[in-house]
Amino acid sequence: MSELAGIQIEGDIYPTHKMVDQDPIEYFVDALKGVFTTGVIKAVRWTQYTPYFNDGEPCVFGTGEIYYRFADLDDEDAQGGDYEDGYLSAYEDEYVKTLGGSNWDYETRQHVHYDGVDPVTAALVKELNERFNSGRHLVDLGRIFGDHARVTATPDRFIVDEYEHD
């Protein structure tokens, strides 16, 4: 048996999905602004939505992976990335070679480590990734940008598009 503010709670309590304490959204915005300060990153993109179906599990609002658009990528040549839109995830070779990390080499069948060419930007991106993936801003991201949204952030604006998913 438990209580809330001195009032007894009776009955069966079934836990919700794991709730994470939230940080002020300004922490996220500061980290986001930080990745633009070196001039290496041109834009940041992510998706956020509640799945329509989750194989019998509860459908819970969340964010997808965060993607980065590098400033040296010409708009006309923006075919890189998982979606061929010039936005790279942390798992793509171009991203890893620029910011450092390891990737699996399918030819040699081993992990290859890259030091990266810009440790300052790499540290700023790491901070943003940690903040984004922590779930500590999920409530505000949902409140501000909505559900079923693709959010693109640049140094001077946010662009929100409807995101279609399965």
N, C-alpha and C. Protein backbone atom coordinates (compact mmCIF):
# COMPACT_ATOMS: atom_id res chain seq x y z
N MET A 1 0.85 -1.17 0.00
CA MET A 1 0.00 0.00 0.00
C MET A 1 0.90 1.24 0.00
N SER A 2 0.47 2.28 -0.69
CA SER A 2 1.25 3.51 -0.74
C SER A 2 0.32 4.70 -0.50
N GLU A 3 0.93 5.86 -0.54
CA GLU A 3 0.15 7.08 -0.32
C GLU A 3 0.68 8.22 -1.16
N LEU A 4 -0.15 9.23 -1.32
CA LEU A 4 0.20 10.44 -2.04
C LEU A 4 -0.22 11.61 -1.19
N ALA A 5 0.75 12.39 -0.75
CA ALA A 5 0.50 13.58 0.07
C ALA A 5 -0.37 13.25 1.28
N GLY A 6 -0.07 12.10 1.89
CA GLY A 6 -0.78 11.72 3.09
C GLY A 6 -2.11 11.02 2.86
N ILE A 7 -2.49 10.84 1.59
CA ILE A 7 -3.75 10.16 1.27
C ILE A 7 -3.42 8.75 0.81
N GLN A 8 -4.04 7.78 1.45
CA GLN A 8 -3.77 6.38 1.16
C GLN A 8 -4.25 6.00 -0.24
N ILE A 9 -3.43 5.20 -0.96
CA ILE A 9 -3.79 4.68 -2.28
C ILE A 9 -4.05 3.19 -2.14
N GLU A 10 -5.22 2.75 -2.57
CA GLU A 10 -5.57 1.33 -2.52
C GLU A 10 -5.77 0.81 -3.93
N GLY A 11 -5.53 -0.47 -4.13
CA GLY A 11 -5.79 -1.10 -5.43
C GLY A 11 -4.51 -1.59 -6.07
N ASP A 12 -4.68 -2.20 -7.24
CA ASP A 12 -3.55 -2.72 -8.00
C ASP A 12 -2.99 -1.60 -8.87
N ILE A 13 -1.69 -1.38 -8.76
CA ILE A 13 -1.02 -0.35 -9.53
C ILE A 13 -0.17 -1.04 -10.60
N TYR A 14 -0.42 -0.70 -11.85
CA TYR A 14 0.36 -1.26 -12.95
C TYR A 14 1.29 -0.17 -13.47
N PRO A 15 2.58 -0.46 -13.53
CA PRO A 15 3.53 0.59 -13.91
C PRO A 15 3.35 1.05 -15.35
N THR A 16 3.61 2.33 -15.59
CA THR A 16 3.61 2.88 -16.94
C THR A 16 4.99 2.64 -17.53
N HIS A 17 5.19 3.10 -18.75
CA HIS A 17 6.53 3.02 -19.31
C HIS A 17 7.46 3.88 -18.47
N LYS A 18 8.73 3.63 -18.57
CA LYS A 18 9.71 4.33 -17.74
C LYS A 18 9.65 5.84 -18.00
N MET A 19 9.42 6.59 -16.95
CA MET A 19 9.37 8.04 -17.05
C MET A 19 10.72 8.61 -16.60
N VAL A 20 11.26 9.50 -17.37
CA VAL A 20 12.55 10.11 -17.08
C VAL A 20 12.31 11.53 -16.58
N ASP A 21 12.99 11.93 -15.51
CA ASP A 21 12.90 13.31 -15.06
C ASP A 21 13.33 14.23 -16.19
N GLN A 22 12.63 15.32 -16.34
CA GLN A 22 12.88 16.24 -17.45
C GLN A 22 13.82 17.38 -17.03
N ASP A 23 14.68 17.78 -17.95
CA ASP A 23 15.54 18.94 -17.79
C ASP A 23 14.89 20.12 -18.51
N PRO A 24 15.26 21.33 -18.13
CA PRO A 24 14.74 22.49 -18.87
C PRO A 24 15.13 22.41 -20.35
N ILE A 25 14.21 22.77 -21.24
CA ILE A 25 14.45 22.69 -22.68
C ILE A 25 15.61 23.59 -23.09
N GLU A 26 15.91 24.61 -22.30
CA GLU A 26 17.03 25.50 -22.62
C GLU A 26 18.35 24.74 -22.67
N TYR A 27 18.49 23.68 -21.88
CA TYR A 27 19.72 22.86 -21.93
C TYR A 27 19.88 22.22 -23.31
N PHE A 28 18.78 21.73 -23.84
CA PHE A 28 18.79 21.12 -25.17
C PHE A 28 19.10 22.17 -26.23
N VAL A 29 18.44 23.32 -26.15
CA VAL A 29 18.64 24.38 -27.13
C VAL A 29 20.08 24.88 -27.09
N ASP A 30 20.66 25.02 -25.90
CA ASP A 30 22.06 25.43 -25.80
C ASP A 30 22.99 24.43 -26.46
N ALA A 31 22.74 23.14 -26.26
CA ALA A 31 23.56 22.10 -26.90
C ALA A 31 23.36 22.13 -28.42
N LEU A 32 22.13 22.36 -28.85
CA LEU A 32 21.84 22.45 -30.28
C LEU A 32 22.57 23.65 -30.90
N LYS A 33 22.47 24.79 -30.27
CA LYS A 33 23.17 25.98 -30.78
C LYS A 33 24.68 25.75 -30.82
N GLY A 34 25.19 24.99 -29.87
CA GLY A 34 26.62 24.71 -29.80
C GLY A 34 27.16 24.01 -31.03
N VAL A 35 26.39 23.08 -31.61
CA VAL A 35 26.90 22.34 -32.78
C VAL A 35 27.06 23.23 -34.00
N PHE A 36 26.39 24.38 -34.02
CA PHE A 36 26.50 25.28 -35.16
C PHE A 36 27.66 26.27 -35.03
N THR A 37 28.29 26.37 -33.87
CA THR A 37 29.29 27.41 -33.63
C THR A 37 30.58 27.23 -34.41
N THR A 38 30.93 26.01 -34.80
CA THR A 38 32.20 25.79 -35.51
C THR A 38 32.06 25.91 -37.02
N GLY A 39 30.83 25.95 -37.52
CA GLY A 39 30.61 26.06 -38.96
C GLY A 39 30.67 24.73 -39.71
N VAL A 40 30.89 23.63 -39.00
CA VAL A 40 30.97 22.31 -39.65
C VAL A 40 29.58 21.74 -39.91
N ILE A 41 28.65 21.98 -39.00
CA ILE A 41 27.29 21.46 -39.11
C ILE A 41 26.38 22.57 -39.63
N LYS A 42 25.62 22.25 -40.67
CA LYS A 42 24.70 23.21 -41.30
C LYS A 42 23.28 23.08 -40.75
N ALA A 43 22.87 21.84 -40.44
CA ALA A 43 21.51 21.59 -39.96
C ALA A 43 21.48 20.28 -39.20
N VAL A 44 20.45 20.15 -38.35
CA VAL A 44 20.23 18.95 -37.54
C VAL A 44 18.77 18.54 -37.77
N ARG A 45 18.54 17.23 -37.88
CA ARG A 45 17.18 16.75 -38.15
C ARG A 45 16.87 15.53 -37.30
N TRP A 46 15.61 15.45 -36.87
CA TRP A 46 15.15 14.25 -36.17
C TRP A 46 13.65 14.08 -36.43
N THR A 47 13.16 12.90 -36.11
CA THR A 47 11.72 12.63 -36.18
C THR A 47 11.22 12.34 -34.78
N GLN A 48 9.95 12.60 -34.57
CA GLN A 48 9.31 12.29 -33.29
C GLN A 48 7.86 11.92 -33.56
N TYR A 49 7.44 10.82 -32.92
CA TYR A 49 6.08 10.34 -33.19
C TYR A 49 5.69 9.26 -32.20
N THR A 50 4.40 8.99 -32.18
CA THR A 50 3.86 7.84 -31.47
C THR A 50 3.59 6.78 -32.52
N PRO A 51 4.17 5.59 -32.38
CA PRO A 51 3.92 4.55 -33.39
C PRO A 51 2.44 4.16 -33.42
N TYR A 52 1.97 3.76 -34.59
CA TYR A 52 0.59 3.30 -34.74
C TYR A 52 0.43 1.88 -34.22
N PHE A 53 1.51 1.11 -34.31
CA PHE A 53 1.49 -0.29 -33.88
C PHE A 53 2.87 -0.62 -33.36
N ASN A 54 2.94 -1.39 -32.27
CA ASN A 54 4.23 -1.71 -31.68
C ASN A 54 4.27 -3.18 -31.26
N ASP A 55 3.79 -4.06 -32.14
CA ASP A 55 3.87 -5.51 -31.94
C ASP A 55 3.35 -5.93 -30.57
N GLY A 56 2.22 -5.38 -30.17
CA GLY A 56 1.60 -5.76 -28.90
C GLY A 56 2.05 -4.96 -27.70
N GLU A 57 3.11 -4.19 -27.84
CA GLU A 57 3.58 -3.33 -26.76
C GLU A 57 2.85 -1.99 -26.83
N PRO A 58 2.82 -1.24 -25.72
CA PRO A 58 2.16 0.07 -25.76
C PRO A 58 2.83 1.00 -26.77
N CYS A 59 2.04 1.78 -27.44
CA CYS A 59 2.55 2.78 -28.38
C CYS A 59 2.82 4.06 -27.59
N VAL A 60 4.09 4.42 -27.50
CA VAL A 60 4.53 5.53 -26.65
C VAL A 60 5.29 6.54 -27.52
N PHE A 61 4.98 7.81 -27.35
CA PHE A 61 5.67 8.89 -28.07
C PHE A 61 7.17 8.83 -27.80
N GLY A 62 7.95 9.05 -28.85
CA GLY A 62 9.41 9.07 -28.70
C GLY A 62 10.05 9.78 -29.87
N THR A 63 11.35 9.89 -29.81
CA THR A 63 12.12 10.51 -30.88
C THR A 63 12.91 9.45 -31.62
N GLY A 64 13.14 9.70 -32.91
CA GLY A 64 13.98 8.82 -33.70
C GLY A 64 15.43 9.25 -33.56
N GLU A 65 16.23 8.76 -34.46
CA GLU A 65 17.65 9.08 -34.46
C GLU A 65 17.88 10.52 -34.91
N ILE A 66 18.96 11.12 -34.44
CA ILE A 66 19.31 12.48 -34.85
C ILE A 66 20.28 12.41 -36.02
N TYR A 67 20.09 13.28 -37.01
CA TYR A 67 20.92 13.31 -38.22
C TYR A 67 21.53 14.69 -38.38
N TYR A 68 22.72 14.72 -39.01
CA TYR A 68 23.46 15.97 -39.19
C TYR A 68 23.73 16.22 -40.66
N ARG A 69 23.61 17.50 -41.04
CA ARG A 69 23.96 17.92 -42.41
C ARG A 69 25.23 18.76 -42.29
N PHE A 70 26.29 18.31 -42.96
CA PHE A 70 27.56 19.02 -42.90
C PHE A 70 27.56 20.21 -43.84
N ALA A 71 28.20 21.29 -43.42
CA ALA A 71 28.19 22.53 -44.19
C ALA A 71 28.92 22.42 -45.52
N ASP A 72 29.89 21.53 -45.62
CA ASP A 72 30.65 21.43 -46.87
C ASP A 72 29.95 20.59 -47.94
N LEU A 73 28.75 20.13 -47.68
CA LEU A 73 27.98 19.35 -48.65
C LEU A 73 27.16 20.29 -49.52
N ASP A 74 27.40 20.26 -50.80
CA ASP A 74 26.63 21.09 -51.73
C ASP A 74 25.18 20.62 -51.78
N ASP A 75 24.26 21.56 -51.90
CA ASP A 75 22.84 21.20 -52.00
C ASP A 75 22.57 20.31 -53.21
N GLU A 76 23.30 20.57 -54.31
CA GLU A 76 23.09 19.78 -55.53
C GLU A 76 23.59 18.35 -55.38
N ASP A 77 24.56 18.14 -54.47
CA ASP A 77 25.14 16.81 -54.28
C ASP A 77 24.62 16.14 -53.02
N ALA A 78 23.48 16.56 -52.55
CA ALA A 78 22.96 16.07 -51.27
C ALA A 78 22.29 14.71 -51.42
N GLN A 79 23.05 13.72 -51.80
CA GLN A 79 22.49 12.38 -51.97
C GLN A 79 22.94 11.43 -50.86
N GLY A 80 23.79 11.89 -49.96
CA GLY A 80 24.28 11.02 -48.89
C GLY A 80 23.24 10.79 -47.82
N GLY A 81 23.51 9.84 -46.95
CA GLY A 81 22.63 9.57 -45.83
C GLY A 81 21.65 8.45 -46.09
N ASP A 82 21.05 7.98 -45.02
CA ASP A 82 20.09 6.88 -45.10
C ASP A 82 18.92 7.19 -46.04
N TYR A 83 18.52 8.45 -46.09
CA TYR A 83 17.36 8.83 -46.90
C TYR A 83 17.75 9.60 -48.15
N GLU A 84 19.04 9.58 -48.47
CA GLU A 84 19.59 10.28 -49.64
C GLU A 84 19.19 11.75 -49.67
N ASP A 85 19.22 12.38 -48.49
CA ASP A 85 18.87 13.79 -48.39
C ASP A 85 20.02 14.63 -47.83
N GLY A 86 21.19 14.01 -47.69
CA GLY A 86 22.36 14.73 -47.20
C GLY A 86 22.50 14.75 -45.70
N TYR A 87 21.55 14.18 -44.98
CA TYR A 87 21.62 14.13 -43.51
C TYR A 87 22.22 12.79 -43.11
N LEU A 88 23.25 12.84 -42.29
CA LEU A 88 24.00 11.64 -41.92
C LEU A 88 23.75 11.25 -40.47
N SER A 89 23.62 9.97 -40.24
CA SER A 89 23.50 9.46 -38.86
C SER A 89 24.89 9.14 -38.33
N ALA A 90 24.95 8.87 -37.06
CA ALA A 90 26.22 8.56 -36.40
C ALA A 90 26.80 7.23 -36.87
N TYR A 91 26.05 6.47 -37.65
CA TYR A 91 26.51 5.16 -38.10
C TYR A 91 27.07 5.18 -39.51
N GLU A 92 27.07 6.32 -40.16
CA GLU A 92 27.53 6.40 -41.54
C GLU A 92 29.00 6.79 -41.61
N ASP A 93 29.70 6.22 -42.57
CA ASP A 93 31.15 6.41 -42.67
C ASP A 93 31.56 7.88 -42.76
N GLU A 94 30.85 8.68 -43.56
CA GLU A 94 31.23 10.08 -43.72
C GLU A 94 31.16 10.82 -42.38
N TYR A 95 30.15 10.51 -41.59
CA TYR A 95 29.99 11.12 -40.27
C TYR A 95 31.15 10.70 -39.38
N VAL A 96 31.42 9.41 -39.32
CA VAL A 96 32.45 8.88 -38.44
C VAL A 96 33.83 9.38 -38.83
N LYS A 97 34.10 9.46 -40.12
CA LYS A 97 35.42 9.94 -40.57
C LYS A 97 35.62 11.41 -40.20
N THR A 98 34.55 12.20 -40.21
CA THR A 98 34.66 13.62 -39.88
C THR A 98 34.72 13.86 -38.38
N LEU A 99 33.84 13.20 -37.62
CA LEU A 99 33.73 13.48 -36.20
C LEU A 99 34.40 12.44 -35.31
N GLY A 100 34.86 11.35 -35.88
CA GLY A 100 35.54 10.32 -35.09
C GLY A 100 34.60 9.23 -34.63
N GLY A 101 35.17 8.09 -34.33
CA GLY A 101 34.40 6.95 -33.86
C GLY A 101 34.79 5.69 -34.59
N SER A 102 33.98 4.64 -34.49
CA SER A 102 34.26 3.39 -35.19
C SER A 102 33.05 2.94 -35.98
N ASN A 103 33.35 2.25 -37.02
CA ASN A 103 32.32 1.63 -37.85
C ASN A 103 32.77 0.24 -38.24
N TRP A 104 31.83 -0.58 -38.59
CA TRP A 104 32.12 -1.94 -39.04
C TRP A 104 32.51 -1.91 -40.51
N ASP A 105 33.66 -2.51 -40.83
CA ASP A 105 34.09 -2.64 -42.22
C ASP A 105 33.69 -4.03 -42.68
N TYR A 106 32.77 -4.10 -43.61
CA TYR A 106 32.25 -5.39 -44.07
C TYR A 106 33.26 -6.19 -44.88
N GLU A 107 34.19 -5.49 -45.54
CA GLU A 107 35.20 -6.20 -46.32
C GLU A 107 36.22 -6.89 -45.42
N THR A 108 36.70 -6.17 -44.40
CA THR A 108 37.70 -6.76 -43.50
C THR A 108 37.07 -7.49 -42.32
N ARG A 109 35.75 -7.28 -42.16
CA ARG A 109 34.99 -7.90 -41.07
C ARG A 109 35.57 -7.53 -39.70
N GLN A 110 35.83 -6.24 -39.52
CA GLN A 110 36.31 -5.75 -38.23
C GLN A 110 35.94 -4.28 -38.06
N HIS A 111 36.00 -3.81 -36.82
CA HIS A 111 35.74 -2.40 -36.56
C HIS A 111 36.95 -1.57 -36.97
N VAL A 112 36.68 -0.45 -37.59
CA VAL A 112 37.74 0.48 -37.98
C VAL A 112 37.52 1.77 -37.20
N HIS A 113 38.58 2.26 -36.56
CA HIS A 113 38.47 3.49 -35.77
C HIS A 113 38.99 4.68 -36.57
N TYR A 114 38.27 5.80 -36.46
CA TYR A 114 38.68 7.05 -37.09
C TYR A 114 38.82 8.11 -36.01
N ASP A 115 39.93 8.85 -36.05
CA ASP A 115 40.14 9.91 -35.06
C ASP A 115 39.25 11.12 -35.31
N GLY A 116 38.87 11.33 -36.55
CA GLY A 116 38.06 12.49 -36.89
C GLY A 116 38.95 13.68 -37.19
N VAL A 117 38.40 14.65 -37.88
CA VAL A 117 39.19 15.81 -38.28
C VAL A 117 38.82 17.06 -37.49
N ASP A 118 37.78 17.00 -36.68
CA ASP A 118 37.33 18.18 -35.95
C ASP A 118 36.90 17.79 -34.53
N PRO A 119 37.85 17.72 -33.59
CA PRO A 119 37.50 17.29 -32.23
C PRO A 119 36.57 18.26 -31.49
N VAL A 120 36.60 19.54 -31.81
CA VAL A 120 35.73 20.50 -31.14
C VAL A 120 34.28 20.23 -31.53
N THR A 121 34.00 20.14 -32.83
CA THR A 121 32.65 19.83 -33.28
C THR A 121 32.22 18.47 -32.77
N ALA A 122 33.13 17.50 -32.77
CA ALA A 122 32.80 16.16 -32.29
C ALA A 122 32.32 16.20 -30.84
N ALA A 123 32.98 16.99 -30.00
CA ALA A 123 32.58 17.11 -28.59
C ALA A 123 31.20 17.77 -28.47
N LEU A 124 30.93 18.78 -29.29
CA LEU A 124 29.64 19.46 -29.25
C LEU A 124 28.52 18.54 -29.74
N VAL A 125 28.78 17.76 -30.77
CA VAL A 125 27.80 16.81 -31.29
C VAL A 125 27.54 15.72 -30.26
N LYS A 126 28.59 15.26 -29.60
CA LYS A 126 28.43 14.23 -28.58
C LYS A 126 27.52 14.73 -27.45
N GLU A 127 27.72 15.97 -27.04
CA GLU A 127 26.88 16.55 -25.99
C GLU A 127 25.42 16.62 -26.44
N LEU A 128 25.18 17.05 -27.67
CA LEU A 128 23.80 17.12 -28.17
C LEU A 128 23.20 15.73 -28.27
N ASN A 129 23.96 14.77 -28.80
CA ASN A 129 23.45 13.39 -28.91
C ASN A 129 23.07 12.84 -27.54
N GLU A 130 23.92 13.06 -26.55
CA GLU A 130 23.63 12.56 -25.20
C GLU A 130 22.36 13.20 -24.64
N ARG A 131 22.21 14.50 -24.83
CA ARG A 131 21.03 15.20 -24.36
C ARG A 131 19.78 14.70 -25.08
N PHE A 132 19.88 14.57 -26.39
CA PHE A 132 18.75 14.13 -27.21
C PHE A 132 18.32 12.71 -26.85
N ASN A 133 19.28 11.82 -26.70
CA ASN A 133 18.98 10.41 -26.45
C ASN A 133 18.64 10.09 -25.00
N SER A 134 18.83 11.05 -24.10
CA SER A 134 18.57 10.81 -22.68
C SER A 134 17.08 10.73 -22.35
N GLY A 135 16.24 11.30 -23.21
CA GLY A 135 14.81 11.37 -22.92
C GLY A 135 14.46 12.50 -21.96
N ARG A 136 15.46 13.28 -21.55
CA ARG A 136 15.25 14.32 -20.55
C ARG A 136 14.61 15.59 -21.12
N HIS A 137 14.30 15.57 -22.43
CA HIS A 137 13.61 16.71 -23.06
C HIS A 137 12.40 16.25 -23.86
N LEU A 138 12.04 14.99 -23.72
CA LEU A 138 10.99 14.38 -24.54
C LEU A 138 9.64 15.08 -24.39
N VAL A 139 9.28 15.44 -23.18
CA VAL A 139 7.98 16.09 -22.96
C VAL A 139 7.94 17.44 -23.68
N ASP A 140 8.99 18.24 -23.53
CA ASP A 140 9.02 19.55 -24.20
C ASP A 140 9.09 19.41 -25.71
N LEU A 141 9.88 18.46 -26.21
CA LEU A 141 9.95 18.27 -27.66
C LEU A 141 8.57 17.93 -28.22
N GLY A 142 7.84 17.08 -27.53
CA GLY A 142 6.50 16.74 -27.96
C GLY A 142 5.55 17.91 -27.88
N ARG A 143 5.64 18.68 -26.81
CA ARG A 143 4.76 19.83 -26.62
C ARG A 143 5.04 20.91 -27.67
N ILE A 144 6.32 21.17 -27.95
CA ILE A 144 6.70 22.27 -28.84
C ILE A 144 6.52 21.91 -30.31
N PHE A 145 6.98 20.71 -30.71
CA PHE A 145 6.99 20.36 -32.13
C PHE A 145 5.88 19.39 -32.54
N GLY A 146 5.19 18.79 -31.57
CA GLY A 146 4.05 17.95 -31.87
C GLY A 146 4.40 16.50 -32.18
N ASP A 147 3.35 15.74 -32.47
CA ASP A 147 3.47 14.33 -32.78
C ASP A 147 3.55 14.16 -34.30
N HIS A 148 4.12 13.08 -34.76
CA HIS A 148 4.24 12.75 -36.18
C HIS A 148 4.92 13.89 -36.93
N ALA A 149 6.09 14.30 -36.40
CA ALA A 149 6.80 15.47 -36.93
C ALA A 149 8.24 15.12 -37.31
N ARG A 150 8.69 15.74 -38.39
CA ARG A 150 10.11 15.74 -38.74
C ARG A 150 10.58 17.17 -38.48
N VAL A 151 11.56 17.31 -37.61
CA VAL A 151 12.03 18.63 -37.20
C VAL A 151 13.42 18.85 -37.78
N THR A 152 13.61 19.97 -38.45
CA THR A 152 14.91 20.36 -38.98
C THR A 152 15.30 21.66 -38.28
N ALA A 153 16.47 21.65 -37.66
CA ALA A 153 16.97 22.83 -36.96
C ALA A 153 18.16 23.40 -37.71
N THR A 154 18.16 24.70 -37.92
CA THR A 154 19.29 25.43 -38.47
C THR A 154 19.69 26.47 -37.44
N PRO A 155 20.77 27.20 -37.67
CA PRO A 155 21.15 28.20 -36.67
C PRO A 155 20.09 29.26 -36.38
N ASP A 156 19.19 29.50 -37.33
CA ASP A 156 18.22 30.60 -37.13
C ASP A 156 16.75 30.20 -37.15
N ARG A 157 16.44 28.89 -37.30
CA ARG A 157 15.02 28.51 -37.30
C ARG A 157 14.84 27.00 -37.14
N PHE A 158 13.59 26.65 -36.83
CA PHE A 158 13.14 25.26 -36.80
C PHE A 158 12.09 25.11 -37.90
N ILE A 159 12.18 24.03 -38.66
CA ILE A 159 11.19 23.74 -39.69
C ILE A 159 10.54 22.42 -39.29
N VAL A 160 9.21 22.42 -39.18
CA VAL A 160 8.48 21.22 -38.77
C VAL A 160 7.61 20.76 -39.94
N ASP A 161 7.84 19.51 -40.35
CA ASP A 161 7.06 18.89 -41.42
C ASP A 161 6.34 17.68 -40.85
N GLU A 162 5.23 17.32 -41.47
CA GLU A 162 4.53 16.10 -41.06
C GLU A 162 5.41 14.91 -41.41
N TYR A 163 5.48 13.95 -40.50
CA TYR A 163 6.29 12.74 -40.70
C TYR A 163 5.37 11.54 -40.84
N GLU A 164 5.43 10.88 -41.98
CA GLU A 164 4.63 9.68 -42.21
C GLU A 164 5.48 8.46 -41.90
N HIS A 165 4.92 7.54 -41.18
CA HIS A 165 5.65 6.34 -40.75
C HIS A 165 4.67 5.18 -40.65
N ASP A 166 5.22 3.98 -40.46
CA ASP A 166 4.38 2.80 -40.29
C ASP A 166 3.86 2.71 -38.88
